[in-house]
Amino acid sequence: MRLLEKLKEHENQYMFIRWATGGEYGKLIYAGDDFIEFNIIDIDTMEYRETVLIHSPLILEVSIGGADIARIVAEVSSKITYE
């Protein structure tokens, strides 16, 4: 299975992605054949800082679970308001 096929299964989830020129925590918006769209989260404020389009062959590492990811999900979830 190719990395992109696996990433498509995890669209709209929080994760850590390391690519050739950086690495950030955020939310995967779209995984396509030539690029992925990734919303980067500022860890201190838990707000979306920027959206990046990353050329798929440049992706080096993806972390979908773990303590840091769980903390981000918990903090983002605590900011959700119910009407």
C-alpha atoms as a PDB file:
ATOM      1  CA  MET A   1       0.000   0.000   0.000  1.00  0.00           C
ATOM      2  CA  ARG A   2       1.298   3.437  -0.909  1.00  0.00           C
ATOM      3  CA  LEU A   3       1.564   6.244   1.645  1.00  0.00           C
ATOM      4  CA  LEU A   4      -0.961   8.371  -0.233  1.00  0.00           C
ATOM      5  CA  GLU A   5      -3.538   5.583  -0.204  1.00  0.00           C
ATOM      6  CA  LYS A   6      -3.151   5.360   3.560  1.00  0.00           C
ATOM      7  CA  LEU A   7      -3.323   9.143   3.975  1.00  0.00           C
ATOM      8  CA  LYS A   8      -6.601   9.234   2.038  1.00  0.00           C
ATOM      9  CA  GLU A   9      -8.078   7.011   4.760  1.00  0.00           C
ATOM     10  CA  HIS A  10      -7.090   9.601   7.366  1.00  0.00           C
ATOM     11  CA  GLU A  11      -8.370  12.808   5.748  1.00  0.00           C
ATOM     12  CA  ASN A  12      -9.868  15.292   8.259  1.00  0.00           C
ATOM     13  CA  GLN A  13      -7.819  13.849  11.134  1.00  0.00           C
ATOM     14  CA  TYR A  14      -5.120  15.455  13.265  1.00  0.00           C
ATOM     15  CA  MET A  15      -1.556  14.257  12.798  1.00  0.00           C
ATOM     16  CA  PHE A  16       2.095  15.194  12.647  1.00  0.00           C
ATOM     17  CA  ILE A  17       3.690  15.349   9.206  1.00  0.00           C
ATOM     18  CA  ARG A  18       7.399  15.788   8.503  1.00  0.00           C
ATOM     19  CA  TRP A  19       8.392  16.733   4.975  1.00  0.00           C
ATOM     20  CA  ALA A  20      11.636  17.732   3.273  1.00  0.00           C
ATOM     21  CA  THR A  21      11.705  21.318   4.600  1.00  0.00           C
ATOM     22  CA  GLY A  22       9.758  21.101   7.861  1.00  0.00           C
ATOM     23  CA  GLY A  23       7.399  19.269  10.128  1.00  0.00           C
ATOM     24  CA  GLU A  24       4.237  20.386  11.909  1.00  0.00           C
ATOM     25  CA  TYR A  25       1.124  19.249  13.760  1.00  0.00           C
ATOM     26  CA  GLY A  26      -2.163  19.869  12.039  1.00  0.00           C
ATOM     27  CA  LYS A  27      -5.186  18.518  10.261  1.00  0.00           C
ATOM     28  CA  LEU A  28      -4.998  16.704   6.941  1.00  0.00           C
ATOM     29  CA  ILE A  29      -7.623  18.224   4.665  1.00  0.00           C
ATOM     30  CA  TYR A  30      -6.942  16.497   1.348  1.00  0.00           C
ATOM     31  CA  ALA A  31      -4.583  13.798   0.108  1.00  0.00           C
ATOM     32  CA  GLY A  32      -4.197  13.676  -3.660  1.00  0.00           C
ATOM     33  CA  ASP A  33      -1.802  12.009  -6.057  1.00  0.00           C
ATOM     34  CA  ASP A  34       0.450  15.030  -6.495  1.00  0.00           C
ATOM     35  CA  PHE A  35      -0.040  17.038  -3.264  1.00  0.00           C
ATOM     36  CA  ILE A  36      -1.664  17.086   0.145  1.00  0.00           C
ATOM     37  CA  GLU A  37      -3.460  20.016   1.779  1.00  0.00           C
ATOM     38  CA  PHE A  38      -2.544  20.379   5.451  1.00  0.00           C
ATOM     39  CA  ASN A  39      -3.794  22.945   8.002  1.00  0.00           C
ATOM     40  CA  ILE A  40      -1.003  23.690  10.475  1.00  0.00           C
ATOM     41  CA  ILE A  41      -1.977  24.272  14.110  1.00  0.00           C
ATOM     42  CA  ASP A  42      -0.104  26.629  16.421  1.00  0.00           C
ATOM     43  CA  ILE A  43       0.566  24.385  19.437  1.00  0.00           C
ATOM     44  CA  ASP A  44       0.469  27.292  21.922  1.00  0.00           C
ATOM     45  CA  THR A  45      -2.885  28.788  20.899  1.00  0.00           C
ATOM     46  CA  MET A  46      -4.435  25.703  19.238  1.00  0.00           C
ATOM     47  CA  GLU A  47      -5.534  27.910  16.328  1.00  0.00           C
ATOM     48  CA  TYR A  48      -4.945  27.200  12.661  1.00  0.00           C
ATOM     49  CA  ARG A  49      -1.847  29.117  11.648  1.00  0.00           C
ATOM     50  CA  GLU A  50      -1.655  28.412   7.926  1.00  0.00           C
ATOM     51  CA  THR A  51      -2.562  25.989   5.170  1.00  0.00           C
ATOM     52  CA  VAL A  52       0.235  24.361   3.203  1.00  0.00           C
ATOM     53  CA  LEU A  53       0.199  22.319   0.029  1.00  0.00           C
ATOM     54  CA  ILE A  54       2.941  19.710   0.189  1.00  0.00           C
ATOM     55  CA  HIS A  55       4.205  17.831  -2.860  1.00  0.00           C
ATOM     56  CA  SER A  56       3.510  14.191  -1.996  1.00  0.00           C
ATOM     57  CA  PRO A  57       6.987  12.759  -2.754  1.00  0.00           C
ATOM     58  CA  LEU A  58       8.480  15.164  -0.175  1.00  0.00           C
ATOM     59  CA  ILE A  59       6.636  13.579   2.776  1.00  0.00           C
ATOM     60  CA  LEU A  60       9.096  11.778   5.021  1.00  0.00           C
ATOM     61  CA  GLU A  61       7.111  10.860   8.137  1.00  0.00           C
ATOM     62  CA  VAL A  62       3.500  10.777   9.331  1.00  0.00           C
ATOM     63  CA  SER A  63       2.411  10.238  12.939  1.00  0.00           C
ATOM     64  CA  ILE A  64      -1.318   9.623  13.324  1.00  0.00           C
ATOM     65  CA  GLY A  65      -1.447   8.596  16.994  1.00  0.00           C
ATOM     66  CA  GLY A  66       0.457   9.173  20.196  1.00  0.00           C
ATOM     67  CA  ALA A  67       0.370  11.389  23.258  1.00  0.00           C
ATOM     68  CA  ASP A  68       0.947  14.672  21.415  1.00  0.00           C
ATOM     69  CA  ILE A  69      -1.787  13.964  18.874  1.00  0.00           C
ATOM     70  CA  ALA A  70      -4.204  12.974  21.667  1.00  0.00           C
ATOM     71  CA  ARG A  71      -3.445  16.245  23.482  1.00  0.00           C
ATOM     72  CA  ILE A  72      -4.154  18.277  20.353  1.00  0.00           C
ATOM     73  CA  VAL A  73      -7.432  16.459  19.735  1.00  0.00           C
ATOM     74  CA  ALA A  74      -8.472  16.995  23.361  1.00  0.00           C
ATOM     75  CA  GLU A  75      -7.653  20.710  23.330  1.00  0.00           C
ATOM     76  CA  VAL A  76      -9.363  21.325  19.998  1.00  0.00           C
ATOM     77  CA  SER A  77     -12.395  19.350  21.170  1.00  0.00           C
ATOM     78  CA  SER A  78     -12.639  21.418  24.350  1.00  0.00           C
ATOM     79  CA  LYS A  79     -13.062  24.545  22.217  1.00  0.00           C
ATOM     80  CA  ILE A  80     -16.108  23.137  20.407  1.00  0.00           C
ATOM     81  CA  THR A  81     -19.265  24.863  21.573  1.00  0.00           C
ATOM     82  CA  TYR A  82     -22.677  23.268  21.652  1.00  0.00           C
ATOM     83  CA  GLU A  83     -25.735  25.303  20.717  1.00  0.00           C
END
